[in-house]
Amino acid sequence: MDELSSKDLSQMIERDHIYSVLELAGHLPYTGMDVINEVARLGYSFDNLMQDFNKVMIVKK
């Protein structure tokens, strides 16, 4: 994921309060797994990660 998309991703989480991985992926040209990897790299954690991929939610720092 490029640096601009990482910045956009952080802004969508912090400013727009979007916590659904699938919703975030819909706003960026990346897959849900790309978003999960980048969000983890940015220091966030997840809820429902091992249960249902369609319902993975980001937990704020």
PDB file of N, CA and C in Angstrom:
ATOM      1  N   MET A   1       0.856  -1.163   0.000  1.00  0.00           N
ATOM      2  CA  MET A   1       0.000   0.000   0.000  1.00  0.00           C
ATOM      3  C   MET A   1       0.904   1.230   0.000  1.00  0.00           C
ATOM      4  N   ASP A   2       0.591   2.209  -0.842  1.00  0.00           N
ATOM      5  CA  ASP A   2       1.456   3.384  -0.914  1.00  0.00           C
ATOM      6  C   ASP A   2       1.209   4.354   0.242  1.00  0.00           C
ATOM      7  N   GLU A   3       2.125   5.308   0.404  1.00  0.00           N
ATOM      8  CA  GLU A   3       2.069   6.217   1.546  1.00  0.00           C
ATOM      9  C   GLU A   3       0.797   7.066   1.542  1.00  0.00           C
ATOM     10  N   LEU A   4       0.345   7.511   0.369  1.00  0.00           N
ATOM     11  CA  LEU A   4      -0.861   8.316   0.279  1.00  0.00           C
ATOM     12  C   LEU A   4      -2.072   7.529   0.771  1.00  0.00           C
ATOM     13  N   SER A   5      -2.174   6.273   0.381  1.00  0.00           N
ATOM     14  CA  SER A   5      -3.295   5.448   0.812  1.00  0.00           C
ATOM     15  C   SER A   5      -3.238   5.179   2.314  1.00  0.00           C
ATOM     16  N   SER A   6      -2.057   5.050   2.869  1.00  0.00           N
ATOM     17  CA  SER A   6      -1.922   4.862   4.314  1.00  0.00           C
ATOM     18  C   SER A   6      -2.437   6.088   5.049  1.00  0.00           C
ATOM     19  N   LYS A   7      -2.111   7.267   4.524  1.00  0.00           N
ATOM     20  CA  LYS A   7      -2.597   8.512   5.122  1.00  0.00           C
ATOM     21  C   LYS A   7      -4.120   8.590   5.004  1.00  0.00           C
ATOM     22  N   ASP A   8      -4.650   8.261   3.822  1.00  0.00           N
ATOM     23  CA  ASP A   8      -6.107   8.259   3.620  1.00  0.00           C
ATOM     24  C   ASP A   8      -6.782   7.286   4.575  1.00  0.00           C
ATOM     25  N   LEU A   9      -6.189   6.127   4.744  1.00  0.00           N
ATOM     26  CA  LEU A   9      -6.735   5.107   5.624  1.00  0.00           C
ATOM     27  C   LEU A   9      -6.800   5.613   7.066  1.00  0.00           C
ATOM     28  N   SER A  10      -5.742   6.217   7.529  1.00  0.00           N
ATOM     29  CA  SER A  10      -5.726   6.766   8.889  1.00  0.00           C
ATOM     30  C   SER A  10      -6.781   7.851   9.055  1.00  0.00           C
ATOM     31  N   GLN A  11      -6.925   8.703   8.057  1.00  0.00           N
ATOM     32  CA  GLN A  11      -7.929   9.763   8.129  1.00  0.00           C
ATOM     33  C   GLN A  11      -9.342   9.205   8.145  1.00  0.00           C
ATOM     34  N   MET A  12      -9.588   8.172   7.352  1.00  0.00           N
ATOM     35  CA  MET A  12     -10.929   7.566   7.331  1.00  0.00           C
ATOM     36  C   MET A  12     -11.267   6.955   8.683  1.00  0.00           C
ATOM     37  N   ILE A  13     -10.282   6.385   9.354  1.00  0.00           N
ATOM     38  CA  ILE A  13     -10.523   5.795  10.671  1.00  0.00           C
ATOM     39  C   ILE A  13     -10.721   6.888  11.710  1.00  0.00           C
ATOM     40  N   GLU A  14      -9.796   7.830  11.762  1.00  0.00           N
ATOM     41  CA  GLU A  14      -9.796   8.848  12.823  1.00  0.00           C
ATOM     42  C   GLU A  14     -10.834   9.945  12.602  1.00  0.00           C
ATOM     43  N   ARG A  15     -10.945  10.450  11.391  1.00  0.00           N
ATOM     44  CA  ARG A  15     -11.835  11.581  11.127  1.00  0.00           C
ATOM     45  C   ARG A  15     -13.260  11.136  10.784  1.00  0.00           C
ATOM     46  N   ASP A  16     -13.346  10.131   9.920  1.00  0.00           N
ATOM     47  CA  ASP A  16     -14.655   9.696   9.429  1.00  0.00           C
ATOM     48  C   ASP A  16     -15.262   8.579  10.263  1.00  0.00           C
ATOM     49  N   HIS A  17     -14.475   8.035  11.184  1.00  0.00           N
ATOM     50  CA  HIS A  17     -14.936   6.974  12.091  1.00  0.00           C
ATOM     51  C   HIS A  17     -15.455   5.751  11.333  1.00  0.00           C
ATOM     52  N   ILE A  18     -14.714   5.348  10.324  1.00  0.00           N
ATOM     53  CA  ILE A  18     -15.034   4.120   9.589  1.00  0.00           C
ATOM     54  C   ILE A  18     -14.183   3.012  10.190  1.00  0.00           C
ATOM     55  N   TYR A  19     -14.814   2.011  10.754  1.00  0.00           N
ATOM     56  CA  TYR A  19     -14.085   0.940  11.431  1.00  0.00           C
ATOM     57  C   TYR A  19     -14.247  -0.422  10.759  1.00  0.00           C
ATOM     58  N   SER A  20     -15.063  -0.509   9.730  1.00  0.00           N
ATOM     59  CA  SER A  20     -15.255  -1.760   9.005  1.00  0.00           C
ATOM     60  C   SER A  20     -14.158  -1.920   7.959  1.00  0.00           C
ATOM     61  N   VAL A  21     -13.444  -3.028   8.010  1.00  0.00           N
ATOM     62  CA  VAL A  21     -12.376  -3.283   7.046  1.00  0.00           C
ATOM     63  C   VAL A  21     -12.929  -3.324   5.631  1.00  0.00           C
ATOM     64  N   LEU A  22     -14.069  -3.966   5.431  1.00  0.00           N
ATOM     65  CA  LEU A  22     -14.622  -4.053   4.085  1.00  0.00           C
ATOM     66  C   LEU A  22     -15.066  -2.692   3.565  1.00  0.00           C
ATOM     67  N   GLU A  23     -15.606  -1.852   4.429  1.00  0.00           N
ATOM     68  CA  GLU A  23     -15.999  -0.511   4.005  1.00  0.00           C
ATOM     69  C   GLU A  23     -14.765   0.315   3.627  1.00  0.00           C
ATOM     70  N   LEU A  24     -13.712   0.207   4.405  1.00  0.00           N
ATOM     71  CA  LEU A  24     -12.475   0.913   4.080  1.00  0.00           C
ATOM     72  C   LEU A  24     -11.911   0.439   2.753  1.00  0.00           C
ATOM     73  N   ALA A  25     -11.908  -0.861   2.534  1.00  0.00           N
ATOM     74  CA  ALA A  25     -11.394  -1.415   1.282  1.00  0.00           C
ATOM     75  C   ALA A  25     -12.209  -0.906   0.094  1.00  0.00           C
ATOM     76  N   GLY A  26     -13.502  -0.668   0.310  1.00  0.00           N
ATOM     77  CA  GLY A  26     -14.349  -0.147  -0.757  1.00  0.00           C
ATOM     78  C   GLY A  26     -14.005   1.272  -1.155  1.00  0.00           C
ATOM     79  N   HIS A  27     -13.355   2.014  -0.264  1.00  0.00           N
ATOM     80  CA  HIS A  27     -12.959   3.389  -0.547  1.00  0.00           C
ATOM     81  C   HIS A  27     -11.563   3.488  -1.155  1.00  0.00           C
ATOM     82  N   LEU A  28     -10.813   2.408  -1.126  1.00  0.00           N
ATOM     83  CA  LEU A  28      -9.435   2.400  -1.615  1.00  0.00           C
ATOM     84  C   LEU A  28      -9.260   1.287  -2.643  1.00  0.00           C
ATOM     85  N   PRO A  29      -8.284   1.419  -3.522  1.00  0.00           N
ATOM     86  CA  PRO A  29      -8.077   0.383  -4.541  1.00  0.00           C
ATOM     87  C   PRO A  29      -7.273  -0.815  -4.011  1.00  0.00           C
ATOM     88  N   TYR A  30      -7.660  -1.319  -2.838  1.00  0.00           N
ATOM     89  CA  TYR A  30      -6.947  -2.441  -2.218  1.00  0.00           C
ATOM     90  C   TYR A  30      -7.948  -3.461  -1.695  1.00  0.00           C
ATOM     91  N   THR A  31      -7.473  -4.659  -1.463  1.00  0.00           N
ATOM     92  CA  THR A  31      -8.331  -5.719  -0.934  1.00  0.00           C
ATOM     93  C   THR A  31      -8.476  -5.576   0.581  1.00  0.00           C
ATOM     94  N   GLY A  32      -9.417  -6.309   1.135  1.00  0.00           N
ATOM     95  CA  GLY A  32      -9.600  -6.328   2.580  1.00  0.00           C
ATOM     96  C   GLY A  32      -8.350  -6.774   3.309  1.00  0.00           C
ATOM     97  N   MET A  33      -7.643  -7.755   2.757  1.00  0.00           N
ATOM     98  CA  MET A  33      -6.406  -8.229   3.393  1.00  0.00           C
ATOM     99  C   MET A  33      -5.323  -7.162   3.369  1.00  0.00           C
ATOM    100  N   ASP A  34      -5.245  -6.387   2.284  1.00  0.00           N
ATOM    101  CA  ASP A  34      -4.291  -5.278   2.230  1.00  0.00           C
ATOM    102  C   ASP A  34      -4.594  -4.267   3.332  1.00  0.00           C
ATOM    103  N   VAL A  35      -5.884  -3.970   3.515  1.00  0.00           N
ATOM    104  CA  VAL A  35      -6.289  -3.020   4.548  1.00  0.00           C
ATOM    105  C   VAL A  35      -5.939  -3.569   5.930  1.00  0.00           C
ATOM    106  N   ILE A  36      -6.229  -4.841   6.176  1.00  0.00           N
ATOM    107  CA  ILE A  36      -5.900  -5.457   7.474  1.00  0.00           C
ATOM    108  C   ILE A  36      -4.400  -5.360   7.745  1.00  0.00           C
ATOM    109  N   ASN A  37      -3.588  -5.691   6.757  1.00  0.00           N
ATOM    110  CA  ASN A  37      -2.131  -5.636   6.941  1.00  0.00           C
ATOM    111  C   ASN A  37      -1.664  -4.219   7.249  1.00  0.00           C
ATOM    112  N   GLU A  38      -2.193  -3.240   6.531  1.00  0.00           N
ATOM    113  CA  GLU A  38      -1.765  -1.859   6.741  1.00  0.00           C
ATOM    114  C   GLU A  38      -2.263  -1.312   8.069  1.00  0.00           C
ATOM    115  N   VAL A  39      -3.496  -1.618   8.415  1.00  0.00           N
ATOM    116  CA  VAL A  39      -4.057  -1.146   9.676  1.00  0.00           C
ATOM    117  C   VAL A  39      -3.275  -1.745  10.854  1.00  0.00           C
ATOM    118  N   ALA A  40      -2.893  -3.003  10.750  1.00  0.00           N
ATOM    119  CA  ALA A  40      -2.086  -3.635  11.793  1.00  0.00           C
ATOM    120  C   ALA A  40      -0.719  -2.955  11.881  1.00  0.00           C
ATOM    121  N   ARG A  41      -0.147  -2.624  10.739  1.00  0.00           N
ATOM    122  CA  ARG A  41       1.147  -1.935  10.707  1.00  0.00           C
ATOM    123  C   ARG A  41       1.044  -0.556  11.377  1.00  0.00           C
ATOM    124  N   LEU A  42      -0.123   0.085  11.247  1.00  0.00           N
ATOM    125  CA  LEU A  42      -0.346   1.398  11.851  1.00  0.00           C
ATOM    126  C   LEU A  42      -0.632   1.309  13.353  1.00  0.00           C
ATOM    127  N   GLY A  43      -0.754   0.091  13.886  1.00  0.00           N
ATOM    128  CA  GLY A  43      -0.885  -0.092  15.326  1.00  0.00           C
ATOM    129  C   GLY A  43      -2.296  -0.308  15.848  1.00  0.00           C
ATOM    130  N   TYR A  44      -3.251  -0.503  14.965  1.00  0.00           N
ATOM    131  CA  TYR A  44      -4.622  -0.777  15.407  1.00  0.00           C
ATOM    132  C   TYR A  44      -4.789  -2.277  15.649  1.00  0.00           C
ATOM    133  N   SER A  45      -5.839  -2.643  16.346  1.00  0.00           N
ATOM    134  CA  SER A  45      -6.161  -4.053  16.526  1.00  0.00           C
ATOM    135  C   SER A  45      -7.554  -4.289  15.943  1.00  0.00           C
ATOM    136  N   PHE A  46      -8.020  -5.525  16.050  1.00  0.00           N
ATOM    137  CA  PHE A  46      -9.253  -5.915  15.369  1.00  0.00           C
ATOM    138  C   PHE A  46     -10.202  -6.669  16.280  1.00  0.00           C
ATOM    139  N   ASP A  47     -11.468  -6.624  15.905  1.00  0.00           N
ATOM    140  CA  ASP A  47     -12.511  -7.416  16.543  1.00  0.00           C
ATOM    141  C   ASP A  47     -13.111  -8.294  15.450  1.00  0.00           C
ATOM    142  N   ASN A  48     -13.433  -9.511  15.744  1.00  0.00           N
ATOM    143  CA  ASN A  48     -14.017 -10.483  14.803  1.00  0.00           C
ATOM    144  C   ASN A  48     -13.041 -10.959  13.735  1.00  0.00           C
ATOM    145  N   LEU A  49     -11.762 -10.761  13.930  1.00  0.00           N
ATOM    146  CA  LEU A  49     -10.779 -11.132  12.909  1.00  0.00           C
ATOM    147  C   LEU A  49     -10.815 -12.621  12.597  1.00  0.00           C
ATOM    148  N   MET A  50     -10.999 -13.436  13.602  1.00  0.00           N
ATOM    149  CA  MET A  50     -10.969 -14.881  13.385  1.00  0.00           C
ATOM    150  C   MET A  50     -12.357 -15.486  13.188  1.00  0.00           C
ATOM    151  N   GLN A  51     -13.390 -14.676  13.257  1.00  0.00           N
ATOM    152  CA  GLN A  51     -14.744 -15.219  13.174  1.00  0.00           C
ATOM    153  C   GLN A  51     -15.357 -15.067  11.788  1.00  0.00           C
ATOM    154  N   ASP A  52     -15.525 -13.849  11.317  1.00  0.00           N
ATOM    155  CA  ASP A  52     -16.187 -13.615  10.035  1.00  0.00           C
ATOM    156  C   ASP A  52     -15.491 -12.446   9.343  1.00  0.00           C
ATOM    157  N   PHE A  53     -14.788 -12.739   8.263  1.00  0.00           N
ATOM    158  CA  PHE A  53     -14.027 -11.708   7.561  1.00  0.00           C
ATOM    159  C   PHE A  53     -14.915 -10.523   7.151  1.00  0.00           C
ATOM    160  N   ASN A  54     -16.166 -10.771   6.832  1.00  0.00           N
ATOM    161  CA  ASN A  54     -17.067  -9.716   6.397  1.00  0.00           C
ATOM    162  C   ASN A  54     -17.434  -8.751   7.534  1.00  0.00           C
ATOM    163  N   LYS A  55     -17.140  -9.130   8.758  1.00  0.00           N
ATOM    164  CA  LYS A  55     -17.514  -8.313   9.916  1.00  0.00           C
ATOM    165  C   LYS A  55     -16.301  -7.831  10.727  1.00  0.00           C
ATOM    166  N   VAL A  56     -15.113  -7.889  10.133  1.00  0.00           N
ATOM    167  CA  VAL A  56     -13.911  -7.464  10.842  1.00  0.00           C
ATOM    168  C   VAL A  56     -13.990  -5.962  11.096  1.00  0.00           C
ATOM    169  N   MET A  57     -13.839  -5.598  12.358  1.00  0.00           N
ATOM    170  CA  MET A  57     -13.897  -4.191  12.750  1.00  0.00           C
ATOM    171  C   MET A  57     -12.559  -3.775  13.345  1.00  0.00           C
ATOM    172  N   ILE A  58     -12.188  -2.532  13.098  1.00  0.00           N
ATOM    173  CA  ILE A  58     -10.963  -1.970  13.641  1.00  0.00           C
ATOM    174  C   ILE A  58     -11.253  -1.415  15.027  1.00  0.00           C
ATOM    175  N   VAL A  59     -10.352  -1.684  15.940  1.00  0.00           N
ATOM    176  CA  VAL A  59     -10.462  -1.163  17.303  1.00  0.00           C
ATOM    177  C   VAL A  59      -9.452  -0.035  17.411  1.00  0.00           C
ATOM    178  N   LYS A  60      -9.925   1.127  17.863  1.00  0.00           N
ATOM    179  CA  LYS A  60      -9.017   2.273  17.963  1.00  0.00           C
ATOM    180  C   LYS A  60      -7.890   2.001  18.938  1.00  0.00           C
ATOM    181  N   LYS A  61      -6.786   2.690  18.751  1.00  0.00           N
ATOM    182  CA  LYS A  61      -5.593   2.553  19.580  1.00  0.00           C
ATOM    183  C   LYS A  61      -5.902   2.869  21.020  1.00  0.00           C
TER     184      LYS A  61
END
